[in-house]
Amino acid sequence: MIEKGSRYENARPFVEDDQGNLPFRGIRPRVIGPARPVLEHYLRIGERHDLLASHYYNDPDLWWRILDANPNVLSAGELDQRAEDNPADPLLVPRAREPGAR
């Protein structure tokens, strides 16, 4: 069950096909709107999404905001690789909440 206020609250469920089969149990991916970055963070090896969210937002559970703003980074493991390969390529850090969002 999706909780009220969840970022998946408005995601659409999958629908059955003509034979009554579900293509996938669950919901469709949520639409990710543009996250307006306000800061650039230069990664160091060992940094993690949750620690960055804790630092910038004072809430480690908002790590997904950083991922939304950096769609080319798919996992925490990629942060170390990115820090090693592209130390001058910043990670974008958006606001904790978009203006006008609840």
N, C-alpha and C. Protein backbone atom coordinates (compact mmCIF):
# COMPACT_ATOMS: atom_id res chain seq x y z
N MET A 1 0.83 -1.17 0.00
CA MET A 1 0.00 0.00 0.00
C MET A 1 0.88 1.24 0.00
N ILE A 2 0.49 2.21 -0.78
CA ILE A 2 1.23 3.46 -0.89
C ILE A 2 0.64 4.46 0.10
N GLU A 3 1.50 5.03 0.92
CA GLU A 3 1.04 5.96 1.95
C GLU A 3 0.69 7.31 1.36
N LYS A 4 -0.24 7.98 1.99
CA LYS A 4 -0.61 9.33 1.59
C LYS A 4 0.61 10.24 1.73
N GLY A 5 0.85 11.03 0.72
CA GLY A 5 2.00 11.92 0.72
C GLY A 5 3.25 11.32 0.12
N SER A 6 3.21 10.02 -0.22
CA SER A 6 4.36 9.36 -0.84
C SER A 6 4.60 9.94 -2.22
N ARG A 7 5.87 9.94 -2.66
CA ARG A 7 6.16 10.41 -4.02
C ARG A 7 5.58 9.47 -5.07
N TYR A 8 5.09 8.30 -4.66
CA TYR A 8 4.44 7.35 -5.57
C TYR A 8 2.92 7.41 -5.48
N GLU A 9 2.40 8.35 -4.71
CA GLU A 9 0.96 8.44 -4.48
C GLU A 9 0.16 8.53 -5.78
N ASN A 10 0.67 9.23 -6.77
CA ASN A 10 -0.06 9.42 -8.03
C ASN A 10 0.41 8.51 -9.16
N ALA A 11 1.29 7.56 -8.84
CA ALA A 11 1.74 6.61 -9.86
C ALA A 11 0.60 5.67 -10.23
N ARG A 12 0.50 5.36 -11.50
CA ARG A 12 -0.60 4.52 -11.97
C ARG A 12 -0.25 3.04 -11.84
N PRO A 13 -1.21 2.21 -11.42
CA PRO A 13 -0.94 0.77 -11.36
C PRO A 13 -0.94 0.18 -12.78
N PHE A 14 -0.32 -0.96 -12.92
CA PHE A 14 -0.38 -1.67 -14.20
C PHE A 14 -1.79 -2.23 -14.36
N VAL A 15 -2.22 -2.39 -15.58
CA VAL A 15 -3.55 -2.94 -15.85
C VAL A 15 -3.42 -4.31 -16.50
N GLU A 16 -4.47 -5.10 -16.33
CA GLU A 16 -4.47 -6.45 -16.90
C GLU A 16 -4.59 -6.38 -18.42
N ASP A 17 -3.98 -7.37 -19.09
CA ASP A 17 -4.14 -7.46 -20.54
C ASP A 17 -5.45 -8.16 -20.86
N ASP A 18 -5.70 -8.49 -22.13
CA ASP A 18 -6.96 -9.11 -22.55
C ASP A 18 -7.21 -10.47 -21.90
N GLN A 19 -6.14 -11.17 -21.53
CA GLN A 19 -6.27 -12.48 -20.89
C GLN A 19 -6.34 -12.39 -19.36
N GLY A 20 -6.34 -11.19 -18.82
CA GLY A 20 -6.42 -11.02 -17.38
C GLY A 20 -5.08 -11.14 -16.67
N ASN A 21 -3.99 -11.08 -17.42
CA ASN A 21 -2.66 -11.17 -16.82
C ASN A 21 -2.08 -9.79 -16.55
N LEU A 22 -1.40 -9.67 -15.45
CA LEU A 22 -0.69 -8.43 -15.16
C LEU A 22 0.72 -8.54 -15.73
N PRO A 23 1.17 -7.54 -16.48
CA PRO A 23 2.54 -7.62 -17.01
C PRO A 23 3.59 -7.53 -15.91
N PHE A 24 3.21 -6.91 -14.79
CA PHE A 24 4.14 -6.74 -13.69
C PHE A 24 3.32 -6.38 -12.46
N ARG A 25 3.59 -7.04 -11.34
CA ARG A 25 2.88 -6.70 -10.10
C ARG A 25 3.49 -5.43 -9.53
N GLY A 26 2.68 -4.47 -9.29
CA GLY A 26 3.18 -3.22 -8.73
C GLY A 26 2.61 -2.02 -9.45
N ILE A 27 3.35 -0.95 -9.42
CA ILE A 27 2.89 0.27 -10.06
C ILE A 27 3.89 0.70 -11.11
N ARG A 28 3.44 1.57 -11.97
CA ARG A 28 4.33 2.12 -13.00
C ARG A 28 5.32 3.06 -12.31
N PRO A 29 6.47 3.27 -12.94
CA PRO A 29 7.40 4.24 -12.36
C PRO A 29 6.75 5.61 -12.27
N ARG A 30 7.10 6.35 -11.24
CA ARG A 30 6.55 7.69 -11.12
C ARG A 30 7.21 8.60 -12.14
N VAL A 31 6.52 9.63 -12.52
CA VAL A 31 7.08 10.62 -13.44
C VAL A 31 8.04 11.49 -12.63
N ILE A 32 9.25 11.61 -13.14
CA ILE A 32 10.24 12.44 -12.47
C ILE A 32 10.34 13.76 -13.23
N GLY A 33 9.87 14.80 -12.59
CA GLY A 33 9.96 16.12 -13.19
C GLY A 33 11.37 16.66 -13.04
N PRO A 34 11.62 17.77 -13.66
CA PRO A 34 12.96 18.34 -13.53
C PRO A 34 13.20 18.83 -12.11
N ALA A 35 14.31 18.42 -11.55
CA ALA A 35 14.72 18.90 -10.23
C ALA A 35 15.68 20.05 -10.47
N ARG A 36 15.35 21.20 -9.99
CA ARG A 36 16.21 22.37 -10.22
C ARG A 36 17.37 22.34 -9.24
N PRO A 37 18.57 22.08 -9.75
CA PRO A 37 19.72 22.04 -8.85
C PRO A 37 20.06 23.42 -8.32
N VAL A 38 20.46 23.48 -7.09
CA VAL A 38 20.86 24.75 -6.50
C VAL A 38 22.32 24.74 -6.05
N LEU A 39 22.88 23.54 -5.93
CA LEU A 39 24.28 23.40 -5.53
C LEU A 39 24.98 22.37 -6.39
N GLU A 40 26.28 22.49 -6.47
CA GLU A 40 27.11 21.47 -7.09
C GLU A 40 27.99 20.89 -5.98
N HIS A 41 28.04 19.57 -5.93
CA HIS A 41 28.85 18.89 -4.92
C HIS A 41 29.91 18.06 -5.64
N TYR A 42 31.17 18.29 -5.30
CA TYR A 42 32.26 17.53 -5.90
C TYR A 42 32.52 16.31 -5.02
N LEU A 43 32.32 15.15 -5.60
CA LEU A 43 32.38 13.89 -4.86
C LEU A 43 33.78 13.52 -4.41
N ARG A 44 33.81 12.87 -3.26
CA ARG A 44 35.02 12.23 -2.76
C ARG A 44 34.70 10.75 -2.60
N ILE A 45 35.67 9.91 -2.76
CA ILE A 45 35.48 8.47 -2.64
C ILE A 45 34.93 8.16 -1.24
N GLY A 46 33.93 7.31 -1.19
CA GLY A 46 33.33 6.90 0.06
C GLY A 46 32.05 7.63 0.41
N GLU A 47 31.71 8.68 -0.36
CA GLU A 47 30.47 9.40 -0.06
C GLU A 47 29.27 8.58 -0.54
N ARG A 48 28.16 8.74 0.18
CA ARG A 48 26.94 7.99 -0.13
C ARG A 48 25.77 8.96 -0.25
N HIS A 49 24.74 8.51 -1.00
CA HIS A 49 23.55 9.34 -1.20
C HIS A 49 22.91 9.74 0.13
N ASP A 50 22.75 8.77 1.02
CA ASP A 50 22.08 9.08 2.29
C ASP A 50 22.87 10.06 3.15
N LEU A 51 24.20 9.94 3.11
CA LEU A 51 25.02 10.87 3.89
C LEU A 51 24.98 12.28 3.29
N LEU A 52 24.94 12.35 1.96
CA LEU A 52 24.82 13.66 1.32
C LEU A 52 23.47 14.29 1.64
N ALA A 53 22.41 13.49 1.62
CA ALA A 53 21.08 14.01 1.95
C ALA A 53 21.03 14.45 3.41
N SER A 54 21.67 13.72 4.27
CA SER A 54 21.72 14.10 5.68
C SER A 54 22.46 15.43 5.83
N HIS A 55 23.54 15.59 5.10
CA HIS A 55 24.33 16.82 5.16
C HIS A 55 23.55 18.02 4.61
N TYR A 56 22.99 17.87 3.41
CA TYR A 56 22.34 19.01 2.75
C TYR A 56 20.91 19.25 3.22
N TYR A 57 20.19 18.19 3.58
CA TYR A 57 18.77 18.33 3.93
C TYR A 57 18.48 18.05 5.39
N ASN A 58 19.47 17.58 6.12
CA ASN A 58 19.26 17.15 7.50
C ASN A 58 18.25 16.00 7.57
N ASP A 59 18.18 15.21 6.50
CA ASP A 59 17.24 14.08 6.43
C ASP A 59 17.79 13.05 5.44
N PRO A 60 18.37 11.95 5.94
CA PRO A 60 18.94 10.96 5.03
C PRO A 60 17.91 10.28 4.14
N ASP A 61 16.63 10.34 4.50
CA ASP A 61 15.59 9.71 3.69
C ASP A 61 15.28 10.48 2.41
N LEU A 62 15.85 11.65 2.25
CA LEU A 62 15.63 12.43 1.02
C LEU A 62 16.72 12.19 -0.02
N TRP A 63 17.46 11.08 0.11
CA TRP A 63 18.52 10.73 -0.84
C TRP A 63 18.01 10.68 -2.28
N TRP A 64 16.74 10.31 -2.45
CA TRP A 64 16.17 10.17 -3.79
C TRP A 64 16.10 11.50 -4.53
N ARG A 65 16.06 12.63 -3.81
CA ARG A 65 16.06 13.95 -4.46
C ARG A 65 17.37 14.14 -5.22
N ILE A 66 18.46 13.70 -4.62
CA ILE A 66 19.76 13.83 -5.28
C ILE A 66 19.82 12.92 -6.50
N LEU A 67 19.28 11.70 -6.38
CA LEU A 67 19.25 10.80 -7.54
C LEU A 67 18.38 11.36 -8.65
N ASP A 68 17.23 11.96 -8.30
CA ASP A 68 16.35 12.54 -9.32
C ASP A 68 17.07 13.63 -10.11
N ALA A 69 17.91 14.41 -9.46
CA ALA A 69 18.62 15.50 -10.12
C ALA A 69 19.82 15.01 -10.93
N ASN A 70 20.19 13.74 -10.74
CA ASN A 70 21.35 13.16 -11.42
C ASN A 70 20.96 11.83 -12.05
N PRO A 71 20.13 11.85 -13.10
CA PRO A 71 19.64 10.59 -13.67
C PRO A 71 20.73 9.69 -14.24
N ASN A 72 21.91 10.25 -14.48
CA ASN A 72 23.01 9.42 -14.99
C ASN A 72 23.70 8.63 -13.88
N VAL A 73 23.33 8.85 -12.63
CA VAL A 73 23.86 8.09 -11.49
C VAL A 73 22.75 7.16 -11.01
N LEU A 74 22.96 5.87 -11.11
CA LEU A 74 21.90 4.92 -10.81
C LEU A 74 22.00 4.28 -9.43
N SER A 75 23.19 4.24 -8.86
CA SER A 75 23.33 3.57 -7.58
C SER A 75 24.45 4.19 -6.76
N ALA A 76 24.45 3.90 -5.48
CA ALA A 76 25.48 4.44 -4.60
C ALA A 76 26.86 3.94 -5.01
N GLY A 77 26.95 2.74 -5.53
CA GLY A 77 28.23 2.20 -5.97
C GLY A 77 28.84 3.03 -7.08
N GLU A 78 28.00 3.68 -7.86
CA GLU A 78 28.50 4.51 -8.95
C GLU A 78 29.11 5.81 -8.44
N LEU A 79 28.81 6.20 -7.21
CA LEU A 79 29.39 7.44 -6.68
C LEU A 79 30.90 7.33 -6.55
N ASP A 80 31.38 6.20 -6.01
CA ASP A 80 32.83 6.02 -5.89
C ASP A 80 33.49 6.01 -7.25
N GLN A 81 32.88 5.32 -8.20
CA GLN A 81 33.45 5.26 -9.56
C GLN A 81 33.48 6.64 -10.18
N ARG A 82 32.41 7.39 -10.00
CA ARG A 82 32.34 8.74 -10.56
C ARG A 82 33.38 9.65 -9.90
N ALA A 83 33.53 9.54 -8.58
CA ALA A 83 34.52 10.35 -7.86
C ALA A 83 35.94 10.03 -8.34
N GLU A 84 36.16 8.76 -8.66
CA GLU A 84 37.49 8.35 -9.11
C GLU A 84 37.75 8.76 -10.56
N ASP A 85 36.76 8.52 -11.43
CA ASP A 85 36.93 8.77 -12.87
C ASP A 85 36.78 10.24 -13.25
N ASN A 86 35.84 10.94 -12.60
CA ASN A 86 35.51 12.31 -12.98
C ASN A 86 35.44 13.22 -11.75
N PRO A 87 36.54 13.45 -11.05
CA PRO A 87 36.47 14.25 -9.84
C PRO A 87 36.03 15.70 -10.09
N ALA A 88 36.17 16.19 -11.31
CA ALA A 88 35.78 17.57 -11.62
C ALA A 88 34.33 17.65 -12.12
N ASP A 89 33.64 16.51 -12.18
CA ASP A 89 32.25 16.47 -12.65
C ASP A 89 31.34 16.49 -11.42
N PRO A 90 30.67 17.62 -11.15
CA PRO A 90 29.91 17.72 -9.90
C PRO A 90 28.60 16.94 -9.91
N LEU A 91 28.18 16.57 -8.74
CA LEU A 91 26.86 15.99 -8.50
C LEU A 91 25.94 17.17 -8.22
N LEU A 92 24.78 17.20 -8.84
CA LEU A 92 23.85 18.30 -8.63
C LEU A 92 22.97 18.03 -7.42
N VAL A 93 22.80 19.01 -6.58
CA VAL A 93 22.00 18.89 -5.37
C VAL A 93 20.83 19.86 -5.47
N PRO A 94 19.60 19.33 -5.60
CA PRO A 94 18.44 20.21 -5.68
C PRO A 94 17.94 20.61 -4.30
N ARG A 95 16.94 21.45 -4.27
CA ARG A 95 16.29 21.79 -3.01
C ARG A 95 15.66 20.53 -2.43
N ALA A 96 15.44 20.52 -1.15
CA ALA A 96 14.81 19.36 -0.50
C ALA A 96 13.39 19.17 -1.03
N ARG A 97 12.70 20.26 -1.34
CA ARG A 97 11.37 20.21 -1.92
C ARG A 97 11.28 21.27 -2.99
N GLU A 98 10.57 20.96 -4.05
CA GLU A 98 10.38 21.94 -5.11
C GLU A 98 9.44 23.03 -4.64
N PRO A 99 9.66 24.26 -5.07
CA PRO A 99 8.74 25.34 -4.67
C PRO A 99 7.30 24.99 -5.05
N GLY A 100 6.39 25.20 -4.14
CA GLY A 100 4.99 24.89 -4.39
C GLY A 100 4.60 23.47 -4.06
N ALA A 101 5.57 22.58 -3.81
CA ALA A 101 5.25 21.19 -3.44
C ALA A 101 4.87 21.15 -1.98
N ARG A 102 4.08 20.12 -1.65
CA ARG A 102 3.69 20.01 -0.24
C ARG A 102 4.73 19.36 0.58
